[in-house]
Amino acid sequence: MRNIKFNYLYRDSANYKKYGAVIFANPDNIELSERETLIRSKLIDGQWFYADEWGLPELFGGTFDYRIDPTWHEFEGVEYSNELAIQFIAIEKFKALLEKSNGI
């Protein structure tokens, strides 16, 4: 079974980047392109999202300042992975969460 790896990053106001990824279980072997299409349809201006709204860990650095730093994260892409799933929800539950998201 190939799991799905969701790659994203946080870019602060000084353009410092912190990268992260979440690996979702994919027991139903969902097609990667199907998930990527849904994810892209929910992104703000085709690129950004709020990690907390999507149930993903926030990647803010230790010097995060709400007055000047953005609160959104940047989507990099999805890929198949043989790594063990570390997210407690399967990709289908993530899909349901995204479908509830308003997007902009």
PDB file of N, CA and C in Angstrom:
ATOM      1  N   MET A   1       0.842  -1.184   0.000  1.00  0.00           N
ATOM      2  CA  MET A   1       0.000   0.000   0.000  1.00  0.00           C
ATOM      3  C   MET A   1       0.885   1.243   0.000  1.00  0.00           C
ATOM      4  N   ARG A   2       0.574   2.165  -0.873  1.00  0.00           N
ATOM      5  CA  ARG A   2       1.301   3.435  -0.907  1.00  0.00           C
ATOM      6  C   ARG A   2       0.507   4.480  -0.150  1.00  0.00           C
ATOM      7  N   ASN A   3       1.149   5.076   0.835  1.00  0.00           N
ATOM      8  CA  ASN A   3       0.528   6.159   1.584  1.00  0.00           C
ATOM      9  C   ASN A   3       0.684   7.454   0.803  1.00  0.00           C
ATOM     10  N   ILE A   4       0.044   8.497   1.283  1.00  0.00           N
ATOM     11  CA  ILE A   4       0.119   9.798   0.620  1.00  0.00           C
ATOM     12  C   ILE A   4       0.824  10.783   1.535  1.00  0.00           C
ATOM     13  N   LYS A   5       1.860  11.412   0.990  1.00  0.00           N
ATOM     14  CA  LYS A   5       2.654  12.389   1.728  1.00  0.00           C
ATOM     15  C   LYS A   5       2.265  13.788   1.269  1.00  0.00           C
ATOM     16  N   PHE A   6       1.832  14.605   2.214  1.00  0.00           N
ATOM     17  CA  PHE A   6       1.414  15.980   1.987  1.00  0.00           C
ATOM     18  C   PHE A   6       2.573  16.871   2.404  1.00  0.00           C
ATOM     19  N   ASN A   7       3.191  17.577   1.457  1.00  0.00           N
ATOM     20  CA  ASN A   7       4.347  18.435   1.722  1.00  0.00           C
ATOM     21  C   ASN A   7       3.920  19.900   1.752  1.00  0.00           C
ATOM     22  N   TYR A   8       4.387  20.601   2.771  1.00  0.00           N
ATOM     23  CA  TYR A   8       4.050  22.019   2.897  1.00  0.00           C
ATOM     24  C   TYR A   8       5.148  22.746   3.656  1.00  0.00           C
ATOM     25  N   LEU A   9       5.032  24.073   3.720  1.00  0.00           N
ATOM     26  CA  LEU A   9       6.038  24.857   4.414  1.00  0.00           C
ATOM     27  C   LEU A   9       5.416  26.103   5.011  1.00  0.00           C
ATOM     28  N   TYR A  10       6.160  26.679   5.946  1.00  0.00           N
ATOM     29  CA  TYR A  10       5.785  27.973   6.503  1.00  0.00           C
ATOM     30  C   TYR A  10       6.884  28.956   6.133  1.00  0.00           C
ATOM     31  N   ARG A  11       6.482  30.122   5.659  1.00  0.00           N
ATOM     32  CA  ARG A  11       7.428  31.175   5.265  1.00  0.00           C
ATOM     33  C   ARG A  11       7.088  32.417   6.093  1.00  0.00           C
ATOM     34  N   ASP A  12       8.026  32.854   6.936  1.00  0.00           N
ATOM     35  CA  ASP A  12       7.733  34.003   7.779  1.00  0.00           C
ATOM     36  C   ASP A  12       7.958  35.315   7.024  1.00  0.00           C
ATOM     37  N   SER A  13       7.761  36.432   7.697  1.00  0.00           N
ATOM     38  CA  SER A  13       7.846  37.736   7.035  1.00  0.00           C
ATOM     39  C   SER A  13       9.260  38.060   6.562  1.00  0.00           C
ATOM     40  N   ALA A  14      10.273  37.400   7.095  1.00  0.00           N
ATOM     41  CA  ALA A  14      11.657  37.600   6.650  1.00  0.00           C
ATOM     42  C   ALA A  14      12.046  36.571   5.578  1.00  0.00           C
ATOM     43  N   ASN A  15      11.093  35.761   5.141  1.00  0.00           N
ATOM     44  CA  ASN A  15      11.265  34.736   4.116  1.00  0.00           C
ATOM     45  C   ASN A  15      12.068  33.525   4.592  1.00  0.00           C
ATOM     46  N   TYR A  16      12.173  33.348   5.906  1.00  0.00           N
ATOM     47  CA  TYR A  16      12.750  32.114   6.427  1.00  0.00           C
ATOM     48  C   TYR A  16      11.709  31.025   6.270  1.00  0.00           C
ATOM     49  N   LYS A  17      12.160  29.830   5.893  1.00  0.00           N
ATOM     50  CA  LYS A  17      11.227  28.740   5.608  1.00  0.00           C
ATOM     51  C   LYS A  17      11.440  27.578   6.568  1.00  0.00           C
ATOM     52  N   LYS A  18      10.329  26.950   6.922  1.00  0.00           N
ATOM     53  CA  LYS A  18      10.363  25.733   7.718  1.00  0.00           C
ATOM     54  C   LYS A  18       9.478  24.726   7.002  1.00  0.00           C
ATOM     55  N   TYR A  19      10.073  23.595   6.614  1.00  0.00           N
ATOM     56  CA  TYR A  19       9.369  22.589   5.821  1.00  0.00           C
ATOM     57  C   TYR A  19       8.785  21.506   6.704  1.00  0.00           C
ATOM     58  N   GLY A  20       7.677  20.960   6.256  1.00  0.00           N
ATOM     59  CA  GLY A  20       7.040  19.870   6.982  1.00  0.00           C
ATOM     60  C   GLY A  20       6.287  18.964   6.033  1.00  0.00           C
ATOM     61  N   ALA A  21       5.906  17.822   6.545  1.00  0.00           N
ATOM     62  CA  ALA A  21       5.133  16.863   5.762  1.00  0.00           C
ATOM     63  C   ALA A  21       4.295  16.024   6.712  1.00  0.00           C
ATOM     64  N   VAL A  22       3.176  15.567   6.200  1.00  0.00           N
ATOM     65  CA  VAL A  22       2.316  14.654   6.935  1.00  0.00           C
ATOM     66  C   VAL A  22       2.060  13.473   6.014  1.00  0.00           C
ATOM     67  N   ILE A  23       2.162  12.287   6.568  1.00  0.00           N
ATOM     68  CA  ILE A  23       1.924  11.086   5.771  1.00  0.00           C
ATOM     69  C   ILE A  23       0.597  10.484   6.204  1.00  0.00           C
ATOM     70  N   PHE A  24      -0.308  10.376   5.246  1.00  0.00           N
ATOM     71  CA  PHE A  24      -1.639   9.834   5.493  1.00  0.00           C
ATOM     72  C   PHE A  24      -1.709   8.386   5.059  1.00  0.00           C
ATOM     73  N   ALA A  25      -2.397   7.578   5.846  1.00  0.00           N
ATOM     74  CA  ALA A  25      -2.682   6.209   5.431  1.00  0.00           C
ATOM     75  C   ALA A  25      -3.597   6.267   4.209  1.00  0.00           C
ATOM     76  N   ASN A  26      -3.415   5.356   3.306  1.00  0.00           N
ATOM     77  CA  ASN A  26      -4.208   5.314   2.071  1.00  0.00           C
ATOM     78  C   ASN A  26      -4.700   3.885   1.835  1.00  0.00           C
ATOM     79  N   PRO A  27      -5.526   3.372   2.758  1.00  0.00           N
ATOM     80  CA  PRO A  27      -5.943   1.970   2.656  1.00  0.00           C
ATOM     81  C   PRO A  27      -6.779   1.660   1.412  1.00  0.00           C
ATOM     82  N   ASP A  28      -7.425   2.674   0.841  1.00  0.00           N
ATOM     83  CA  ASP A  28      -8.267   2.444  -0.342  1.00  0.00           C
ATOM     84  C   ASP A  28      -7.526   2.738  -1.642  1.00  0.00           C
ATOM     85  N   ASN A  29      -6.213   2.986  -1.562  1.00  0.00           N
ATOM     86  CA  ASN A  29      -5.391   3.280  -2.745  1.00  0.00           C
ATOM     87  C   ASN A  29      -5.998   4.374  -3.622  1.00  0.00           C
ATOM     88  N   ILE A  30      -6.325   5.486  -2.999  1.00  0.00           N
ATOM     89  CA  ILE A  30      -6.881   6.639  -3.700  1.00  0.00           C
ATOM     90  C   ILE A  30      -5.829   7.201  -4.652  1.00  0.00           C
ATOM     91  N   GLU A  31      -6.271   7.608  -5.827  1.00  0.00           N
ATOM     92  CA  GLU A  31      -5.359   8.199  -6.809  1.00  0.00           C
ATOM     93  C   GLU A  31      -4.837   9.545  -6.307  1.00  0.00           C
ATOM     94  N   LEU A  32      -3.561   9.736  -6.473  1.00  0.00           N
ATOM     95  CA  LEU A  32      -2.902  10.956  -6.029  1.00  0.00           C
ATOM     96  C   LEU A  32      -3.482  12.194  -6.715  1.00  0.00           C
ATOM     97  N   SER A  33      -3.721  12.114  -7.999  1.00  0.00           N
ATOM     98  CA  SER A  33      -4.235  13.266  -8.743  1.00  0.00           C
ATOM     99  C   SER A  33      -5.609  13.701  -8.234  1.00  0.00           C
ATOM    100  N   GLU A  34      -6.399  12.747  -7.791  1.00  0.00           N
ATOM    101  CA  GLU A  34      -7.729  13.064  -7.253  1.00  0.00           C
ATOM    102  C   GLU A  34      -7.609  13.903  -5.982  1.00  0.00           C
ATOM    103  N   ARG A  35      -6.685  13.533  -5.096  1.00  0.00           N
ATOM    104  CA  ARG A  35      -6.499  14.287  -3.864  1.00  0.00           C
ATOM    105  C   ARG A  35      -5.878  15.647  -4.143  1.00  0.00           C
ATOM    106  N   GLU A  36      -4.924  15.698  -5.054  1.00  0.00           N
ATOM    107  CA  GLU A  36      -4.270  16.971  -5.341  1.00  0.00           C
ATOM    108  C   GLU A  36      -5.258  17.969  -5.934  1.00  0.00           C
ATOM    109  N   THR A  37      -6.153  17.513  -6.782  1.00  0.00           N
ATOM    110  CA  THR A  37      -7.166  18.393  -7.372  1.00  0.00           C
ATOM    111  C   THR A  37      -8.046  18.991  -6.281  1.00  0.00           C
ATOM    112  N   LEU A  38      -8.475  18.167  -5.330  1.00  0.00           N
ATOM    113  CA  LEU A  38      -9.307  18.670  -4.233  1.00  0.00           C
ATOM    114  C   LEU A  38      -8.529  19.670  -3.387  1.00  0.00           C
ATOM    115  N   ILE A  39      -7.299  19.332  -3.042  1.00  0.00           N
ATOM    116  CA  ILE A  39      -6.478  20.230  -2.219  1.00  0.00           C
ATOM    117  C   ILE A  39      -6.316  21.574  -2.914  1.00  0.00           C
ATOM    118  N   ARG A  40      -5.945  21.561  -4.177  1.00  0.00           N
ATOM    119  CA  ARG A  40      -5.725  22.818  -4.909  1.00  0.00           C
ATOM    120  C   ARG A  40      -7.000  23.651  -5.007  1.00  0.00           C
ATOM    121  N   SER A  41      -8.157  23.012  -5.041  1.00  0.00           N
ATOM    122  CA  SER A  41      -9.419  23.754  -5.119  1.00  0.00           C
ATOM    123  C   SER A  41      -9.733  24.490  -3.824  1.00  0.00           C
ATOM    124  N   LYS A  42      -9.095  24.108  -2.730  1.00  0.00           N
ATOM    125  CA  LYS A  42      -9.356  24.716  -1.427  1.00  0.00           C
ATOM    126  C   LYS A  42      -8.278  25.706  -0.988  1.00  0.00           C
ATOM    127  N   LEU A  43      -7.235  25.874  -1.776  1.00  0.00           N
ATOM    128  CA  LEU A  43      -6.141  26.772  -1.413  1.00  0.00           C
ATOM    129  C   LEU A  43      -6.518  28.236  -1.618  1.00  0.00           C
ATOM    130  N   ILE A  44      -5.960  29.097  -0.825  1.00  0.00           N
ATOM    131  CA  ILE A  44      -6.137  30.538  -0.965  1.00  0.00           C
ATOM    132  C   ILE A  44      -5.204  30.990  -2.079  1.00  0.00           C
ATOM    133  N   ASP A  45      -5.747  31.621  -3.097  1.00  0.00           N
ATOM    134  CA  ASP A  45      -4.984  32.073  -4.259  1.00  0.00           C
ATOM    135  C   ASP A  45      -4.111  30.974  -4.847  1.00  0.00           C
ATOM    136  N   GLY A  46      -4.597  29.732  -4.772  1.00  0.00           N
ATOM    137  CA  GLY A  46      -3.913  28.609  -5.395  1.00  0.00           C
ATOM    138  C   GLY A  46      -2.649  28.159  -4.709  1.00  0.00           C
ATOM    139  N   GLN A  47      -2.375  28.676  -3.489  1.00  0.00           N
ATOM    140  CA  GLN A  47      -1.092  28.363  -2.877  1.00  0.00           C
ATOM    141  C   GLN A  47      -1.133  28.172  -1.360  1.00  0.00           C
ATOM    142  N   TRP A  48      -1.952  28.922  -0.640  1.00  0.00           N
ATOM    143  CA  TRP A  48      -1.867  28.960   0.814  1.00  0.00           C
ATOM    144  C   TRP A  48      -3.087  28.345   1.486  1.00  0.00           C
ATOM    145  N   PHE A  49      -2.883  27.962   2.751  1.00  0.00           N
ATOM    146  CA  PHE A  49      -3.961  27.395   3.562  1.00  0.00           C
ATOM    147  C   PHE A  49      -3.612  27.616   5.037  1.00  0.00           C
ATOM    148  N   TYR A  50      -4.622  27.476   5.887  1.00  0.00           N
ATOM    149  CA  TYR A  50      -4.421  27.571   7.332  1.00  0.00           C
ATOM    150  C   TYR A  50      -4.305  26.153   7.884  1.00  0.00           C
ATOM    151  N   ALA A  51      -3.121  25.804   8.356  1.00  0.00           N
ATOM    152  CA  ALA A  51      -2.851  24.437   8.808  1.00  0.00           C
ATOM    153  C   ALA A  51      -3.820  23.996   9.898  1.00  0.00           C
ATOM    154  N   ASP A  52      -4.126  24.868  10.839  1.00  0.00           N
ATOM    155  CA  ASP A  52      -5.016  24.472  11.933  1.00  0.00           C
ATOM    156  C   ASP A  52      -6.417  24.136  11.424  1.00  0.00           C
ATOM    157  N   GLU A  53      -6.892  24.830  10.393  1.00  0.00           N
ATOM    158  CA  GLU A  53      -8.210  24.541   9.824  1.00  0.00           C
ATOM    159  C   GLU A  53      -8.246  23.184   9.122  1.00  0.00           C
ATOM    160  N   TRP A  54      -7.097  22.743   8.656  1.00  0.00           N
ATOM    161  CA  TRP A  54      -7.021  21.462   7.956  1.00  0.00           C
ATOM    162  C   TRP A  54      -6.557  20.331   8.869  1.00  0.00           C
ATOM    163  N   GLY A  55      -6.401  20.617  10.148  1.00  0.00           N
ATOM    164  CA  GLY A  55      -5.986  19.584  11.089  1.00  0.00           C
ATOM    165  C   GLY A  55      -4.531  19.181  10.956  1.00  0.00           C
ATOM    166  N   LEU A  56      -3.693  20.079  10.423  1.00  0.00           N
ATOM    167  CA  LEU A  56      -2.274  19.794  10.219  1.00  0.00           C
ATOM    168  C   LEU A  56      -1.435  20.580  11.222  1.00  0.00           C
ATOM    169  N   PRO A  57      -0.270  20.068  11.582  1.00  0.00           N
ATOM    170  CA  PRO A  57       0.601  20.804  12.508  1.00  0.00           C
ATOM    171  C   PRO A  57       1.060  22.137  11.911  1.00  0.00           C
ATOM    172  N   GLU A  58       1.024  23.180  12.714  1.00  0.00           N
ATOM    173  CA  GLU A  58       1.549  24.471  12.278  1.00  0.00           C
ATOM    174  C   GLU A  58       3.066  24.435  12.381  1.00  0.00           C
ATOM    175  N   LEU A  59       3.734  25.098  11.459  1.00  0.00           N
ATOM    176  CA  LEU A  59       5.188  25.044  11.380  1.00  0.00           C
ATOM    177  C   LEU A  59       5.855  26.356  11.788  1.00  0.00           C
ATOM    178  N   PHE A  60       5.161  27.184  12.552  1.00  0.00           N
ATOM    179  CA  PHE A  60       5.718  28.474  12.960  1.00  0.00           C
ATOM    180  C   PHE A  60       7.049  28.279  13.676  1.00  0.00           C
ATOM    181  N   GLY A  61       7.967  29.206  13.445  1.00  0.00           N
ATOM    182  CA  GLY A  61       9.263  29.165  14.126  1.00  0.00           C
ATOM    183  C   GLY A  61       9.170  29.724  15.532  1.00  0.00           C
ATOM    184  N   GLY A  62      10.267  29.671  16.261  1.00  0.00           N
ATOM    185  CA  GLY A  62      10.299  30.138  17.638  1.00  0.00           C
ATOM    186  C   GLY A  62      10.166  31.637  17.786  1.00  0.00           C
ATOM    187  N   THR A  63      10.338  32.391  16.703  1.00  0.00           N
ATOM    188  CA  THR A  63      10.244  33.847  16.777  1.00  0.00           C
ATOM    189  C   THR A  63       8.975  34.364  16.110  1.00  0.00           C
ATOM    190  N   PHE A  64       7.958  33.534  16.029  1.00  0.00           N
ATOM    191  CA  PHE A  64       6.706  33.924  15.368  1.00  0.00           C
ATOM    192  C   PHE A  64       6.083  35.129  16.059  1.00  0.00           C
ATOM    193  N   ASP A  65       5.673  36.119  15.263  1.00  0.00           N
ATOM    194  CA  ASP A  65       5.057  37.342  15.773  1.00  0.00           C
ATOM    195  C   ASP A  65       3.773  37.595  14.987  1.00  0.00           C
ATOM    196  N   TYR A  66       2.626  37.450  15.635  1.00  0.00           N
ATOM    197  CA  TYR A  66       1.327  37.618  14.965  1.00  0.00           C
ATOM    198  C   TYR A  66       1.149  38.998  14.331  1.00  0.00           C
ATOM    199  N   ARG A  67       1.903  39.995  14.797  1.00  0.00           N
ATOM    200  CA  ARG A  67       1.753  41.344  14.246  1.00  0.00           C
ATOM    201  C   ARG A  67       2.358  41.487  12.859  1.00  0.00           C
ATOM    202  N   ILE A  68       3.388  40.698  12.545  1.00  0.00           N
ATOM    203  CA  ILE A  68       4.059  40.875  11.248  1.00  0.00           C
ATOM    204  C   ILE A  68       4.153  39.604  10.409  1.00  0.00           C
ATOM    205  N   ASP A  69       4.080  38.437  11.022  1.00  0.00           N
ATOM    206  CA  ASP A  69       4.217  37.189  10.277  1.00  0.00           C
ATOM    207  C   ASP A  69       2.858  36.690   9.793  1.00  0.00           C
ATOM    208  N   PRO A  70       2.816  36.119   8.596  1.00  0.00           N
ATOM    209  CA  PRO A  70       1.549  35.556   8.115  1.00  0.00           C
ATOM    210  C   PRO A  70       1.178  34.319   8.936  1.00  0.00           C
ATOM    211  N   THR A  71      -0.089  33.988   8.939  1.00  0.00           N
ATOM    212  CA  THR A  71      -0.543  32.813   9.683  1.00  0.00           C
ATOM    213  C   THR A  71      -0.868  31.638   8.767  1.00  0.00           C
ATOM    214  N   TRP A  72      -0.684  31.798   7.480  1.00  0.00           N
ATOM    215  CA  TRP A  72      -0.976  30.710   6.542  1.00  0.00           C
ATOM    216  C   TRP A  72       0.289  29.935   6.206  1.00  0.00           C
ATOM    217  N   HIS A  73       0.073  28.753   5.663  1.00  0.00           N
ATOM    218  CA  HIS A  73       1.150  27.877   5.228  1.00  0.00           C
ATOM    219  C   HIS A  73       1.068  27.723   3.704  1.00  0.00           C
ATOM    220  N   GLU A  74       2.134  27.258   3.111  1.00  0.00           N
ATOM    221  CA  GLU A  74       2.217  27.131   1.652  1.00  0.00           C
ATOM    222  C   GLU A  74       2.227  25.659   1.254  1.00  0.00           C
ATOM    223  N   PHE A  75       1.363  25.305   0.327  1.00  0.00           N
ATOM    224  CA  PHE A  75       1.284  23.937  -0.179  1.00  0.00           C
ATOM    225  C   PHE A  75       2.399  23.705  -1.185  1.00  0.00           C
ATOM    226  N   GLU A  76       3.130  22.596  -1.022  1.00  0.00           N
ATOM    227  CA  GLU A  76       4.177  22.228  -1.976  1.00  0.00           C
ATOM    228  C   GLU A  76       3.704  21.148  -2.933  1.00  0.00           C
ATOM    229  N   GLY A  77       3.031  20.137  -2.420  1.00  0.00           N
ATOM    230  CA  GLY A  77       2.566  19.060  -3.282  1.00  0.00           C
ATOM    231  C   GLY A  77       2.275  17.802  -2.489  1.00  0.00           C
ATOM    232  N   VAL A  78       1.777  16.812  -3.195  1.00  0.00           N
ATOM    233  CA  VAL A  78       1.532  15.498  -2.607  1.00  0.00           C
ATOM    234  C   VAL A  78       2.271  14.462  -3.433  1.00  0.00           C
ATOM    235  N   GLU A  79       2.615  13.375  -2.789  1.00  0.00           N
ATOM    236  CA  GLU A  79       3.317  12.295  -3.475  1.00  0.00           C
ATOM    237  C   GLU A  79       3.006  10.982  -2.774  1.00  0.00           C
ATOM    238  N   TYR A  80       3.176   9.883  -3.492  1.00  0.00           N
ATOM    239  CA  TYR A  80       3.059   8.582  -2.863  1.00  0.00           C
ATOM    240  C   TYR A  80       4.295   8.347  -2.010  1.00  0.00           C
ATOM    241  N   SER A  81       4.123   7.595  -0.932  1.00  0.00           N
ATOM    242  CA  SER A  81       5.236   7.318  -0.036  1.00  0.00           C
ATOM    243  C   SER A  81       5.078   5.924   0.560  1.00  0.00           C
ATOM    244  N   ASN A  82       6.178   5.250   0.745  1.00  0.00           N
ATOM    245  CA  ASN A  82       6.182   3.965   1.445  1.00  0.00           C
ATOM    246  C   ASN A  82       6.477   4.143   2.926  1.00  0.00           C
ATOM    247  N   GLU A  83       6.646   5.409   3.346  1.00  0.00           N
ATOM    248  CA  GLU A  83       6.865   5.691   4.764  1.00  0.00           C
ATOM    249  C   GLU A  83       5.597   5.377   5.544  1.00  0.00           C
ATOM    250  N   LEU A  84       5.767   5.041   6.810  1.00  0.00           N
ATOM    251  CA  LEU A  84       4.620   4.754   7.661  1.00  0.00           C
ATOM    252  C   LEU A  84       3.785   6.009   7.867  1.00  0.00           C
ATOM    253  N   ALA A  85       2.489   5.834   7.877  1.00  0.00           N
ATOM    254  CA  ALA A  85       1.587   6.959   8.123  1.00  0.00           C
ATOM    255  C   ALA A  85       1.773   7.435   9.548  1.00  0.00           C
ATOM    256  N   ILE A  86       1.950   8.740   9.714  1.00  0.00           N
ATOM    257  CA  ILE A  86       2.125   9.303  11.053  1.00  0.00           C
ATOM    258  C   ILE A  86       0.923  10.143  11.463  1.00  0.00           C
ATOM    259  N   GLN A  87       0.021  10.372  10.536  1.00  0.00           N
ATOM    260  CA  GLN A  87      -1.181  11.128  10.840  1.00  0.00           C
ATOM    261  C   GLN A  87      -2.233  10.152  11.354  1.00  0.00           C
ATOM    262  N   PHE A  88      -2.999  10.568  12.327  1.00  0.00           N
ATOM    263  CA  PHE A  88      -3.981   9.686  12.934  1.00  0.00           C
ATOM    264  C   PHE A  88      -5.213   9.464  12.059  1.00  0.00           C
ATOM    265  N   ILE A  89      -5.359  10.245  11.015  1.00  0.00           N
ATOM    266  CA  ILE A  89      -6.517  10.067  10.149  1.00  0.00           C
ATOM    267  C   ILE A  89      -6.074   9.566   8.781  1.00  0.00           C
ATOM    268  N   ALA A  90      -6.944   8.835   8.139  1.00  0.00           N
ATOM    269  CA  ALA A  90      -6.662   8.347   6.792  1.00  0.00           C
ATOM    270  C   ALA A  90      -6.942   9.466   5.803  1.00  0.00           C
ATOM    271  N   ILE A  91      -6.464   9.294   4.602  1.00  0.00           N
ATOM    272  CA  ILE A  91      -6.622  10.314   3.555  1.00  0.00           C
ATOM    273  C   ILE A  91      -8.096  10.590   3.269  1.00  0.00           C
ATOM    274  N   GLU A  92      -8.961   9.616   3.424  1.00  0.00           N
ATOM    275  CA  GLU A  92     -10.390   9.830   3.177  1.00  0.00           C
ATOM    276  C   GLU A  92     -10.992  10.779   4.209  1.00  0.00           C
ATOM    277  N   LYS A  93     -10.559  10.695   5.446  1.00  0.00           N
ATOM    278  CA  LYS A  93     -11.065  11.623   6.464  1.00  0.00           C
ATOM    279  C   LYS A  93     -10.512  13.018   6.238  1.00  0.00           C
ATOM    280  N   PHE A  94      -9.278  13.109   5.758  1.00  0.00           N
ATOM    281  CA  PHE A  94      -8.709  14.405   5.402  1.00  0.00           C
ATOM    282  C   PHE A  94      -9.514  15.019   4.265  1.00  0.00           C
ATOM    283  N   LYS A  95      -9.922  14.211   3.309  1.00  0.00           N
ATOM    284  CA  LYS A  95     -10.762  14.672   2.197  1.00  0.00           C
ATOM    285  C   LYS A  95     -12.054  15.277   2.736  1.00  0.00           C
ATOM    286  N   ALA A  96     -12.687  14.612   3.667  1.00  0.00           N
ATOM    287  CA  ALA A  96     -13.944  15.121   4.240  1.00  0.00           C
ATOM    288  C   ALA A  96     -13.707  16.456   4.932  1.00  0.00           C
ATOM    289  N   LEU A  97     -12.601  16.584   5.632  1.00  0.00           N
ATOM    290  CA  LEU A  97     -12.273  17.836   6.304  1.00  0.00           C
ATOM    291  C   LEU A  97     -12.072  18.948   5.274  1.00  0.00           C
ATOM    292  N   LEU A  98     -11.380  18.646   4.190  1.00  0.00           N
ATOM    293  CA  LEU A  98     -11.164  19.647   3.131  1.00  0.00           C
ATOM    294  C   LEU A  98     -12.481  20.068   2.489  1.00  0.00           C
ATOM    295  N   GLU A  99     -13.348  19.111   2.246  1.00  0.00           N
ATOM    296  CA  GLU A  99     -14.623  19.424   1.601  1.00  0.00           C
ATOM    297  C   GLU A  99     -15.461  20.369   2.440  1.00  0.00           C
ATOM    298  N   LYS A 100     -15.296  20.314   3.763  1.00  0.00           N
ATOM    299  CA  LYS A 100     -16.020  21.233   4.645  1.00  0.00           C
ATOM    300  C   LYS A 100     -15.386  22.626   4.644  1.00  0.00           C
ATOM    301  N   SER A 101     -14.101  22.688   4.288  1.00  0.00           N
ATOM    302  CA  SER A 101     -13.370  23.958   4.280  1.00  0.00           C
ATOM    303  C   SER A 101     -13.961  24.894   3.237  1.00  0.00           C
ATOM    304  N   ASN A 102     -14.011  26.161   3.572  1.00  0.00           N
ATOM    305  CA  ASN A 102     -14.570  27.150   2.659  1.00  0.00           C
ATOM    306  C   ASN A 102     -13.657  27.444   1.490  1.00  0.00           C
ATOM    307  N   GLY A 103     -12.356  27.443   1.721  1.00  0.00           N
ATOM    308  CA  GLY A 103     -11.445  27.905   0.672  1.00  0.00           C
ATOM    309  C   GLY A 103     -11.721  29.385   0.417  1.00  0.00           C
ATOM    310  N   ILE A 104     -10.964  29.998  -0.418  1.00  0.00           N
ATOM    311  CA  ILE A 104     -11.221  31.400  -0.737  1.00  0.00           C
ATOM    312  C   ILE A 104     -10.989  31.619  -2.192  1.00  0.00           C
TER     313      ILE A 104
END
